[in-house]
Each structure stands twice: as structure tokens, then as C-alpha cells.
Amino acid sequence: MTLSKLHPVKLLLLDVDGVLTGGQIIYSGTRVETKIFNVKDGLGIRMLMEAGIEVGIVTGRTSEALMQRCRDLHISLVYDGVKDKGALMDQILSKQGVEAHEVAFVGDDLPDISLMKKAGVGIAVNDAHEMVKKHADIITRRNGGDGAVREVCEMILEAKNLLEETITHWI
């Protein structure tokens, strides 16, 4: 696939466990959940948002660690505890004022397929479940939690001819 399909993207939606993280969940003895996020992914998200592309979260789990990460990155579009991700698409489109072909979604596991099929661009991380990869328009070179989101952010910026300008802003 060429990057041209990413050119119309105005909204990037991300799953969390297995995409923004490596998929591991750590519980302390008091059931406090800990997640490990990649700072390079975080910078990619900031770069994308500063270029005017919205970023949102759609995840099946609820986690204070995720909410803290979203606050740190100024991500306000967060749907957590979602049982049917695909059923959420019409609500997201209406709320954000975008069309389906202007949405990219990054997922890694079976619950992500329904939303991936409705988004204009479905993206699977490299270590996604094989069935997810079959439904993806793009498969990242990087694994979830290990720079896959940064890779996607840079692909979108490149498709919009904004990558060089965005990178120059940081140096």
C-alpha cells in the first residue's frame, strides 16, 4: 500500500494494550495496575497533534495508568471499557466531525477487527494476531509498545507532506 491512503487522515485512533504498550499488565499487591509506555510513541503522538491531526483512544480496558498517560499527552478523546469497538464508530465520526475515510485505527487483537474494518485505514502492529493482520491495510515494522505508534505517526505526516517540517520544528 502506498502512503496515499493516509493522506486524508484527520483522526488517528489507537488501541492501548498491545499497541501503546507491549501488552503486559503488571498488578501490584494492592491491584494497582502498571503499564509501560514508549516515550518515542508519545513524541510521535505530540508531533501528529501539533500538525493538526487528532488522536484518540479506543480500548476494552479501564486503567488509571492510561488516563495519566492521556493527560500527559493531552489526549481528550478517550473511550475505555469498550466491549464493541466497531459499534462506536458512528458516535466518534459524529463527535469529531470526520468521515470514516479520514480515520485510521491501530490495533493488535481480535476485538480490534470490527473498528479496523470501519476505519478508512486499518493498521496492525507487527506482532498483532494473524487474523488482525489479514484485515489490515498496513502492518507496521515495529511491535506494539516498541515504536509502532511512532512509525504510524510519521507515516501519516509523510503522507501529508508534513514530516520534514514537523521534524525540523524539534531540532
N, C-alpha and C. Protein backbone atom coordinates (compact mmCIF):
# COMPACT_ATOMS: atom_id res chain seq x y z
N MET A 1 0.83 -1.18 0.00
CA MET A 1 0.00 0.00 0.00
C MET A 1 0.88 1.24 0.00
N THR A 2 0.49 2.20 -0.77
CA THR A 2 1.21 3.47 -0.76
C THR A 2 0.69 4.33 0.39
N LEU A 3 1.45 5.34 0.68
CA LEU A 3 1.05 6.26 1.75
C LEU A 3 -0.16 7.11 1.37
N SER A 4 -0.55 7.09 0.10
CA SER A 4 -1.64 7.95 -0.35
C SER A 4 -2.94 7.72 0.42
N LYS A 5 -3.19 6.50 0.87
CA LYS A 5 -4.41 6.22 1.62
C LYS A 5 -4.40 6.94 2.98
N LEU A 6 -3.22 7.30 3.47
CA LEU A 6 -3.12 8.01 4.75
C LEU A 6 -3.29 9.53 4.60
N HIS A 7 -3.21 10.02 3.37
CA HIS A 7 -3.29 11.47 3.16
C HIS A 7 -4.56 12.10 3.73
N PRO A 8 -5.75 11.50 3.61
CA PRO A 8 -6.95 12.15 4.14
C PRO A 8 -7.11 12.06 5.66
N VAL A 9 -6.25 11.32 6.35
CA VAL A 9 -6.45 11.06 7.78
C VAL A 9 -6.44 12.35 8.60
N LYS A 10 -7.52 12.54 9.35
CA LYS A 10 -7.67 13.66 10.27
C LYS A 10 -7.74 13.19 11.72
N LEU A 11 -7.95 11.88 11.90
CA LEU A 11 -8.09 11.30 13.23
C LEU A 11 -7.41 9.95 13.27
N LEU A 12 -6.49 9.80 14.22
CA LEU A 12 -5.83 8.53 14.47
C LEU A 12 -6.38 7.96 15.77
N LEU A 13 -6.96 6.77 15.70
CA LEU A 13 -7.46 6.07 16.88
C LEU A 13 -6.51 4.93 17.21
N LEU A 14 -6.28 4.76 18.51
CA LEU A 14 -5.32 3.76 18.98
C LEU A 14 -5.94 2.84 20.02
N ASP A 15 -5.69 1.56 19.89
CA ASP A 15 -5.92 0.62 20.98
C ASP A 15 -4.78 0.86 21.97
N VAL A 16 -4.86 0.27 23.14
CA VAL A 16 -3.82 0.50 24.16
C VAL A 16 -2.95 -0.73 24.36
N ASP A 17 -3.49 -1.74 25.01
CA ASP A 17 -2.69 -2.92 25.35
C ASP A 17 -2.31 -3.67 24.08
N GLY A 18 -1.02 -3.76 23.81
CA GLY A 18 -0.52 -4.39 22.61
C GLY A 18 -0.23 -3.41 21.49
N VAL A 19 -0.63 -2.15 21.66
CA VAL A 19 -0.36 -1.11 20.66
C VAL A 19 0.48 -0.01 21.31
N LEU A 20 -0.08 0.68 22.29
CA LEU A 20 0.69 1.68 23.04
C LEU A 20 1.58 1.03 24.09
N THR A 21 1.28 -0.20 24.43
CA THR A 21 2.13 -0.96 25.35
C THR A 21 2.49 -2.28 24.67
N GLY A 22 3.40 -3.00 25.27
CA GLY A 22 3.77 -4.30 24.75
C GLY A 22 2.75 -5.38 25.04
N GLY A 23 1.69 -5.03 25.76
CA GLY A 23 0.63 -5.97 26.05
C GLY A 23 0.69 -6.58 27.44
N GLN A 24 1.76 -6.30 28.17
CA GLN A 24 1.86 -6.84 29.52
C GLN A 24 1.07 -5.94 30.49
N ILE A 25 0.50 -6.56 31.50
CA ILE A 25 -0.19 -5.82 32.56
C ILE A 25 0.44 -6.26 33.87
N ILE A 26 0.87 -5.29 34.65
CA ILE A 26 1.50 -5.58 35.93
C ILE A 26 0.58 -5.10 37.04
N TYR A 27 0.26 -5.98 37.98
CA TYR A 27 -0.54 -5.62 39.14
C TYR A 27 0.35 -5.65 40.37
N SER A 28 0.21 -4.64 41.21
CA SER A 28 0.91 -4.68 42.50
C SER A 28 0.04 -5.50 43.44
N GLY A 29 0.54 -5.72 44.65
CA GLY A 29 -0.22 -6.47 45.64
C GLY A 29 -1.56 -5.83 45.98
N THR A 30 -1.68 -4.53 45.75
CA THR A 30 -2.94 -3.83 46.04
C THR A 30 -3.80 -3.66 44.79
N ARG A 31 -3.47 -4.43 43.74
CA ARG A 31 -4.20 -4.42 42.46
C ARG A 31 -4.08 -3.09 41.73
N VAL A 32 -3.03 -2.34 42.02
CA VAL A 32 -2.74 -1.15 41.23
C VAL A 32 -2.12 -1.62 39.93
N GLU A 33 -2.65 -1.14 38.82
CA GLU A 33 -2.18 -1.58 37.52
C GLU A 33 -1.09 -0.66 37.01
N THR A 34 -0.04 -1.26 36.48
CA THR A 34 1.07 -0.51 35.92
C THR A 34 1.19 -0.86 34.45
N LYS A 35 1.43 0.17 33.62
CA LYS A 35 1.64 -0.05 32.19
C LYS A 35 2.94 0.64 31.80
N ILE A 36 3.61 0.09 30.81
CA ILE A 36 4.84 0.69 30.31
C ILE A 36 4.55 1.26 28.93
N PHE A 37 4.73 2.57 28.80
CA PHE A 37 4.51 3.27 27.53
C PHE A 37 5.85 3.67 26.94
N ASN A 38 5.92 3.72 25.64
CA ASN A 38 7.14 4.09 24.92
C ASN A 38 7.17 5.60 24.71
N VAL A 39 8.23 6.26 25.15
CA VAL A 39 8.31 7.72 25.01
C VAL A 39 8.40 8.14 23.55
N LYS A 40 8.96 7.30 22.69
CA LYS A 40 9.03 7.64 21.27
C LYS A 40 7.64 7.67 20.65
N ASP A 41 6.78 6.75 21.08
CA ASP A 41 5.39 6.79 20.64
C ASP A 41 4.74 8.10 21.11
N GLY A 42 5.03 8.48 22.33
CA GLY A 42 4.46 9.72 22.87
C GLY A 42 4.86 10.94 22.07
N LEU A 43 6.12 11.01 21.67
CA LEU A 43 6.56 12.15 20.86
C LEU A 43 5.89 12.11 19.48
N GLY A 44 5.73 10.92 18.92
CA GLY A 44 5.03 10.80 17.65
C GLY A 44 3.61 11.33 17.75
N ILE A 45 2.93 11.00 18.84
CA ILE A 45 1.57 11.49 19.06
C ILE A 45 1.57 13.01 19.18
N ARG A 46 2.51 13.55 19.92
CA ARG A 46 2.60 15.02 20.04
C ARG A 46 2.86 15.67 18.70
N MET A 47 3.76 15.09 17.90
CA MET A 47 4.06 15.62 16.58
C MET A 47 2.80 15.65 15.71
N LEU A 48 2.05 14.57 15.75
CA LEU A 48 0.83 14.46 14.96
C LEU A 48 -0.19 15.51 15.40
N MET A 49 -0.38 15.63 16.71
CA MET A 49 -1.36 16.58 17.23
C MET A 49 -0.95 18.03 16.91
N GLU A 50 0.33 18.32 16.99
CA GLU A 50 0.79 19.67 16.68
C GLU A 50 0.63 19.99 15.19
N ALA A 51 0.57 18.94 14.36
CA ALA A 51 0.34 19.14 12.93
C ALA A 51 -1.15 19.22 12.60
N GLY A 52 -2.00 19.14 13.64
CA GLY A 52 -3.43 19.30 13.44
C GLY A 52 -4.21 18.01 13.26
N ILE A 53 -3.59 16.87 13.47
CA ILE A 53 -4.29 15.59 13.37
C ILE A 53 -4.67 15.15 14.78
N GLU A 54 -5.95 14.88 14.97
CA GLU A 54 -6.44 14.46 16.28
C GLU A 54 -6.02 13.02 16.57
N VAL A 55 -5.88 12.72 17.86
CA VAL A 55 -5.54 11.37 18.30
C VAL A 55 -6.51 10.97 19.40
N GLY A 56 -7.03 9.77 19.30
CA GLY A 56 -7.96 9.26 20.31
C GLY A 56 -7.65 7.83 20.68
N ILE A 57 -8.23 7.40 21.77
CA ILE A 57 -8.02 6.06 22.33
C ILE A 57 -9.34 5.30 22.32
N VAL A 58 -9.29 4.04 21.89
CA VAL A 58 -10.44 3.14 21.98
C VAL A 58 -9.90 1.82 22.54
N THR A 59 -10.28 1.51 23.77
CA THR A 59 -9.74 0.34 24.44
C THR A 59 -10.80 -0.41 25.23
N GLY A 60 -10.62 -1.69 25.35
CA GLY A 60 -11.56 -2.51 26.09
C GLY A 60 -11.37 -2.47 27.59
N ARG A 61 -10.22 -1.98 28.02
CA ARG A 61 -9.92 -1.97 29.46
C ARG A 61 -10.02 -0.55 30.01
N THR A 62 -10.12 -0.46 31.31
CA THR A 62 -10.11 0.82 32.02
C THR A 62 -8.90 0.81 32.93
N SER A 63 -8.14 1.92 32.92
CA SER A 63 -6.91 1.94 33.68
C SER A 63 -6.54 3.37 34.05
N GLU A 64 -6.20 3.59 35.30
CA GLU A 64 -5.73 4.91 35.72
C GLU A 64 -4.38 5.22 35.10
N ALA A 65 -3.57 4.20 34.86
CA ALA A 65 -2.28 4.42 34.20
C ALA A 65 -2.51 5.00 32.80
N LEU A 66 -3.49 4.48 32.08
CA LEU A 66 -3.82 5.01 30.76
C LEU A 66 -4.31 6.45 30.87
N MET A 67 -5.18 6.71 31.83
CA MET A 67 -5.72 8.07 31.96
C MET A 67 -4.60 9.07 32.26
N GLN A 68 -3.63 8.67 33.05
CA GLN A 68 -2.49 9.55 33.33
C GLN A 68 -1.69 9.81 32.06
N ARG A 69 -1.46 8.77 31.27
CA ARG A 69 -0.72 8.93 30.01
C ARG A 69 -1.48 9.87 29.06
N CYS A 70 -2.79 9.72 29.00
CA CYS A 70 -3.60 10.60 28.15
C CYS A 70 -3.54 12.05 28.63
N ARG A 71 -3.56 12.24 29.92
CA ARG A 71 -3.42 13.62 30.46
C ARG A 71 -2.06 14.19 30.08
N ASP A 72 -1.01 13.38 30.22
CA ASP A 72 0.35 13.83 29.87
C ASP A 72 0.45 14.25 28.41
N LEU A 73 -0.24 13.52 27.53
CA LEU A 73 -0.16 13.77 26.09
C LEU A 73 -1.28 14.69 25.60
N HIS A 74 -2.16 15.13 26.49
CA HIS A 74 -3.29 16.00 26.15
C HIS A 74 -4.25 15.32 25.17
N ILE A 75 -4.45 14.02 25.35
CA ILE A 75 -5.43 13.28 24.57
C ILE A 75 -6.73 13.31 25.36
N SER A 76 -7.74 13.96 24.79
CA SER A 76 -9.02 14.07 25.49
C SER A 76 -10.08 13.12 24.93
N LEU A 77 -9.86 12.60 23.75
CA LEU A 77 -10.81 11.66 23.14
C LEU A 77 -10.45 10.25 23.61
N VAL A 78 -11.08 9.80 24.68
CA VAL A 78 -10.76 8.50 25.27
C VAL A 78 -12.05 7.71 25.48
N TYR A 79 -12.10 6.56 24.85
CA TYR A 79 -13.19 5.61 25.05
C TYR A 79 -12.57 4.38 25.68
N ASP A 80 -12.83 4.17 26.97
CA ASP A 80 -12.28 3.00 27.64
C ASP A 80 -13.41 2.11 28.13
N GLY A 81 -13.10 0.86 28.43
CA GLY A 81 -14.11 -0.11 28.84
C GLY A 81 -15.06 -0.46 27.71
N VAL A 82 -14.61 -0.35 26.47
CA VAL A 82 -15.46 -0.57 25.29
C VAL A 82 -15.55 -2.07 24.99
N LYS A 83 -16.76 -2.58 24.91
CA LYS A 83 -16.96 -4.00 24.60
C LYS A 83 -17.01 -4.25 23.09
N ASP A 84 -17.66 -3.35 22.33
CA ASP A 84 -17.78 -3.50 20.88
C ASP A 84 -17.21 -2.24 20.23
N LYS A 85 -15.97 -2.29 19.82
CA LYS A 85 -15.28 -1.11 19.29
C LYS A 85 -15.90 -0.62 17.99
N GLY A 86 -16.30 -1.53 17.13
CA GLY A 86 -16.89 -1.15 15.86
C GLY A 86 -18.19 -0.38 16.02
N ALA A 87 -18.97 -0.72 17.03
CA ALA A 87 -20.26 -0.05 17.27
C ALA A 87 -20.07 1.41 17.65
N LEU A 88 -18.88 1.77 18.05
CA LEU A 88 -18.57 3.13 18.49
C LEU A 88 -18.29 4.08 17.32
N MET A 89 -18.04 3.55 16.13
CA MET A 89 -17.57 4.37 15.02
C MET A 89 -18.50 5.52 14.68
N ASP A 90 -19.79 5.28 14.55
CA ASP A 90 -20.72 6.37 14.20
C ASP A 90 -20.67 7.50 15.22
N GLN A 91 -20.60 7.15 16.49
CA GLN A 91 -20.51 8.17 17.56
C GLN A 91 -19.22 8.98 17.43
N ILE A 92 -18.13 8.32 17.16
CA ILE A 92 -16.85 9.01 17.01
C ILE A 92 -16.89 9.94 15.80
N LEU A 93 -17.40 9.45 14.69
CA LEU A 93 -17.47 10.27 13.47
C LEU A 93 -18.30 11.51 13.72
N SER A 94 -19.43 11.35 14.37
CA SER A 94 -20.32 12.48 14.65
C SER A 94 -19.67 13.47 15.60
N LYS A 95 -19.08 12.96 16.67
CA LYS A 95 -18.47 13.83 17.68
C LYS A 95 -17.28 14.60 17.10
N GLN A 96 -16.49 13.96 16.26
CA GLN A 96 -15.27 14.58 15.74
C GLN A 96 -15.49 15.31 14.42
N GLY A 97 -16.64 15.12 13.81
CA GLY A 97 -16.93 15.79 12.55
C GLY A 97 -16.05 15.32 11.41
N VAL A 98 -15.76 14.03 11.37
CA VAL A 98 -14.95 13.46 10.30
C VAL A 98 -15.73 12.33 9.64
N GLU A 99 -15.25 11.92 8.48
CA GLU A 99 -15.83 10.78 7.76
C GLU A 99 -14.93 9.57 7.97
N ALA A 100 -15.49 8.40 7.75
CA ALA A 100 -14.75 7.15 8.01
C ALA A 100 -13.42 7.10 7.25
N HIS A 101 -13.38 7.60 6.01
CA HIS A 101 -12.14 7.52 5.23
C HIS A 101 -11.06 8.46 5.78
N GLU A 102 -11.43 9.32 6.73
CA GLU A 102 -10.48 10.24 7.36
C GLU A 102 -9.97 9.71 8.71
N VAL A 103 -10.29 8.45 9.00
CA VAL A 103 -9.92 7.83 10.27
C VAL A 103 -8.97 6.66 10.02
N ALA A 104 -7.89 6.61 10.80
CA ALA A 104 -7.00 5.45 10.82
C ALA A 104 -7.10 4.85 12.22
N PHE A 105 -7.06 3.54 12.30
CA PHE A 105 -7.12 2.85 13.59
C PHE A 105 -6.01 1.83 13.67
N VAL A 106 -5.30 1.83 14.80
CA VAL A 106 -4.22 0.87 15.03
C VAL A 106 -4.66 -0.13 16.09
N GLY A 107 -4.61 -1.41 15.74
CA GLY A 107 -4.99 -2.46 16.67
C GLY A 107 -4.03 -3.63 16.62
N ASP A 108 -4.29 -4.60 17.50
CA ASP A 108 -3.40 -5.76 17.58
C ASP A 108 -4.11 -7.08 17.82
N ASP A 109 -5.37 -7.05 18.26
CA ASP A 109 -6.00 -8.31 18.62
C ASP A 109 -7.45 -8.35 18.15
N LEU A 110 -8.08 -9.48 18.32
CA LEU A 110 -9.39 -9.76 17.75
C LEU A 110 -10.46 -8.69 18.03
N PRO A 111 -10.56 -8.13 19.24
CA PRO A 111 -11.59 -7.10 19.46
C PRO A 111 -11.39 -5.83 18.62
N ASP A 112 -10.24 -5.69 18.00
CA ASP A 112 -9.94 -4.50 17.19
C ASP A 112 -10.44 -4.61 15.76
N ILE A 113 -10.74 -5.80 15.30
CA ILE A 113 -11.09 -6.00 13.90
C ILE A 113 -12.35 -5.23 13.50
N SER A 114 -13.37 -5.21 14.35
CA SER A 114 -14.62 -4.54 13.97
C SER A 114 -14.42 -3.05 13.70
N LEU A 115 -13.59 -2.39 14.48
CA LEU A 115 -13.31 -0.97 14.24
C LEU A 115 -12.34 -0.80 13.08
N MET A 116 -11.39 -1.70 12.97
CA MET A 116 -10.43 -1.64 11.88
C MET A 116 -11.15 -1.70 10.52
N LYS A 117 -12.18 -2.54 10.42
CA LYS A 117 -12.92 -2.70 9.17
C LYS A 117 -13.74 -1.45 8.82
N LYS A 118 -14.11 -0.66 9.82
CA LYS A 118 -14.92 0.54 9.58
C LYS A 118 -14.07 1.79 9.34
N ALA A 119 -12.83 1.76 9.75
CA ALA A 119 -11.94 2.92 9.57
C ALA A 119 -11.47 2.98 8.13
N GLY A 120 -11.12 4.17 7.69
CA GLY A 120 -10.59 4.34 6.34
C GLY A 120 -9.30 3.59 6.14
N VAL A 121 -8.47 3.53 7.19
CA VAL A 121 -7.20 2.81 7.14
C VAL A 121 -7.08 1.97 8.41
N GLY A 122 -7.01 0.68 8.24
CA GLY A 122 -6.78 -0.23 9.36
C GLY A 122 -5.31 -0.58 9.42
N ILE A 123 -4.75 -0.44 10.61
CA ILE A 123 -3.32 -0.68 10.78
C ILE A 123 -3.11 -1.69 11.91
N ALA A 124 -2.29 -2.68 11.63
CA ALA A 124 -1.93 -3.68 12.64
C ALA A 124 -0.47 -3.50 13.00
N VAL A 125 -0.16 -3.64 14.28
CA VAL A 125 1.24 -3.63 14.69
C VAL A 125 1.87 -4.96 14.26
N ASN A 126 3.18 -4.98 14.14
CA ASN A 126 3.90 -6.13 13.62
C ASN A 126 3.60 -7.43 14.37
N ASP A 127 3.43 -7.35 15.67
CA ASP A 127 3.19 -8.56 16.46
C ASP A 127 1.70 -8.80 16.74
N ALA A 128 0.84 -8.24 15.89
CA ALA A 128 -0.61 -8.44 16.04
C ALA A 128 -0.97 -9.89 15.73
N HIS A 129 -2.15 -10.26 16.17
CA HIS A 129 -2.71 -11.58 15.85
C HIS A 129 -2.83 -11.69 14.33
N GLU A 130 -2.60 -12.87 13.80
CA GLU A 130 -2.61 -13.08 12.34
C GLU A 130 -3.94 -12.67 11.71
N MET A 131 -5.05 -12.89 12.38
CA MET A 131 -6.35 -12.52 11.83
C MET A 131 -6.47 -10.99 11.71
N VAL A 132 -5.90 -10.28 12.65
CA VAL A 132 -5.90 -8.81 12.59
C VAL A 132 -5.08 -8.36 11.39
N LYS A 133 -3.94 -8.97 11.18
CA LYS A 133 -3.09 -8.62 10.05
C LYS A 133 -3.82 -8.83 8.72
N LYS A 134 -4.67 -9.86 8.64
CA LYS A 134 -5.42 -10.14 7.41
C LYS A 134 -6.39 -9.01 7.09
N HIS A 135 -6.86 -8.30 8.09
CA HIS A 135 -7.83 -7.21 7.89
C HIS A 135 -7.16 -5.84 7.79
N ALA A 136 -5.85 -5.79 7.94
CA ALA A 136 -5.14 -4.50 7.97
C ALA A 136 -4.75 -4.04 6.58
N ASP A 137 -4.80 -2.73 6.39
CA ASP A 137 -4.28 -2.12 5.17
C ASP A 137 -2.76 -1.95 5.27
N ILE A 138 -2.30 -1.74 6.50
CA ILE A 138 -0.87 -1.52 6.77
C ILE A 138 -0.47 -2.36 7.98
N ILE A 139 0.71 -2.95 7.92
CA ILE A 139 1.29 -3.64 9.07
C ILE A 139 2.60 -2.94 9.38
N THR A 140 2.76 -2.49 10.61
CA THR A 140 3.98 -1.77 10.98
C THR A 140 5.17 -2.72 11.01
N ARG A 141 6.35 -2.14 10.90
CA ARG A 141 7.59 -2.92 11.07
C ARG A 141 7.85 -3.14 12.55
N ARG A 142 7.43 -2.20 13.39
CA ARG A 142 7.69 -2.26 14.83
C ARG A 142 6.56 -2.98 15.56
N ASN A 143 6.88 -3.55 16.71
CA ASN A 143 5.89 -4.19 17.56
C ASN A 143 5.16 -3.16 18.40
N GLY A 144 4.01 -3.57 18.91
CA GLY A 144 3.26 -2.72 19.84
C GLY A 144 4.09 -2.43 21.07
N GLY A 145 4.05 -1.17 21.53
CA GLY A 145 4.82 -0.78 22.70
C GLY A 145 6.29 -0.55 22.42
N ASP A 146 6.70 -0.76 21.16
CA ASP A 146 8.11 -0.63 20.80
C ASP A 146 8.29 0.26 19.57
N GLY A 147 7.54 1.35 19.52
CA GLY A 147 7.71 2.32 18.45
C GLY A 147 6.75 2.19 17.28
N ALA A 148 5.80 1.25 17.34
CA ALA A 148 4.84 1.10 16.23
C ALA A 148 3.98 2.35 16.06
N VAL A 149 3.56 2.96 17.15
CA VAL A 149 2.73 4.16 17.06
C VAL A 149 3.54 5.31 16.47
N ARG A 150 4.78 5.46 16.86
CA ARG A 150 5.64 6.50 16.28
C ARG A 150 5.77 6.29 14.77
N GLU A 151 5.95 5.03 14.37
CA GLU A 151 6.05 4.69 12.95
C GLU A 151 4.79 5.14 12.21
N VAL A 152 3.62 4.86 12.77
CA VAL A 152 2.36 5.26 12.15
C VAL A 152 2.24 6.77 12.08
N CYS A 153 2.57 7.45 13.16
CA CYS A 153 2.50 8.91 13.18
C CYS A 153 3.37 9.52 12.09
N GLU A 154 4.57 9.00 11.93
CA GLU A 154 5.47 9.52 10.91
C GLU A 154 4.97 9.17 9.51
N MET A 155 4.34 8.01 9.33
CA MET A 155 3.76 7.67 8.03
C MET A 155 2.65 8.66 7.65
N ILE A 156 1.82 8.99 8.62
CA ILE A 156 0.73 9.94 8.35
C ILE A 156 1.31 11.31 7.99
N LEU A 157 2.27 11.76 8.77
CA LEU A 157 2.90 13.06 8.48
C LEU A 157 3.56 13.05 7.10
N GLU A 158 4.22 11.95 6.76
CA GLU A 158 4.86 11.85 5.45
C GLU A 158 3.81 11.89 4.34
N ALA A 159 2.70 11.18 4.52
CA ALA A 159 1.64 11.16 3.50
C ALA A 159 1.06 12.54 3.28
N LYS A 160 1.09 13.38 4.31
CA LYS A 160 0.56 14.73 4.21
C LYS A 160 1.64 15.76 3.88
N ASN A 161 2.84 15.28 3.57
CA ASN A 161 3.99 16.14 3.28
C ASN A 161 4.30 17.10 4.44
N LEU A 162 4.14 16.60 5.66
CA LEU A 162 4.38 17.40 6.86
C LEU A 162 5.53 16.87 7.71
N LEU A 163 6.11 15.74 7.33
CA LEU A 163 7.11 15.11 8.19
C LEU A 163 8.36 15.96 8.34
N GLU A 164 8.92 16.40 7.24
CA GLU A 164 10.16 17.18 7.32
C GLU A 164 9.95 18.47 8.12
N GLU A 165 8.85 19.16 7.86
CA GLU A 165 8.54 20.39 8.59
C GLU A 165 8.35 20.12 10.08
N THR A 166 7.69 19.02 10.40
CA THR A 166 7.44 18.67 11.80
C THR A 166 8.75 18.31 12.51
N ILE A 167 9.59 17.53 11.86
CA ILE A 167 10.86 17.15 12.47
C ILE A 167 11.74 18.37 12.66
N THR A 168 11.76 19.26 11.67
CA THR A 168 12.57 20.48 11.74
C THR A 168 12.17 21.34 12.95
N HIS A 169 10.90 21.30 13.28
CA HIS A 169 10.39 22.03 14.45
C HIS A 169 11.10 21.58 15.74
N TRP A 170 11.49 20.33 15.79
CA TRP A 170 12.07 19.76 17.02
C TRP A 170 13.59 19.90 17.08
N ILE A 171 14.24 20.31 16.00
CA ILE A 171 15.71 20.38 16.02
C ILE A 171 16.22 21.80 15.90
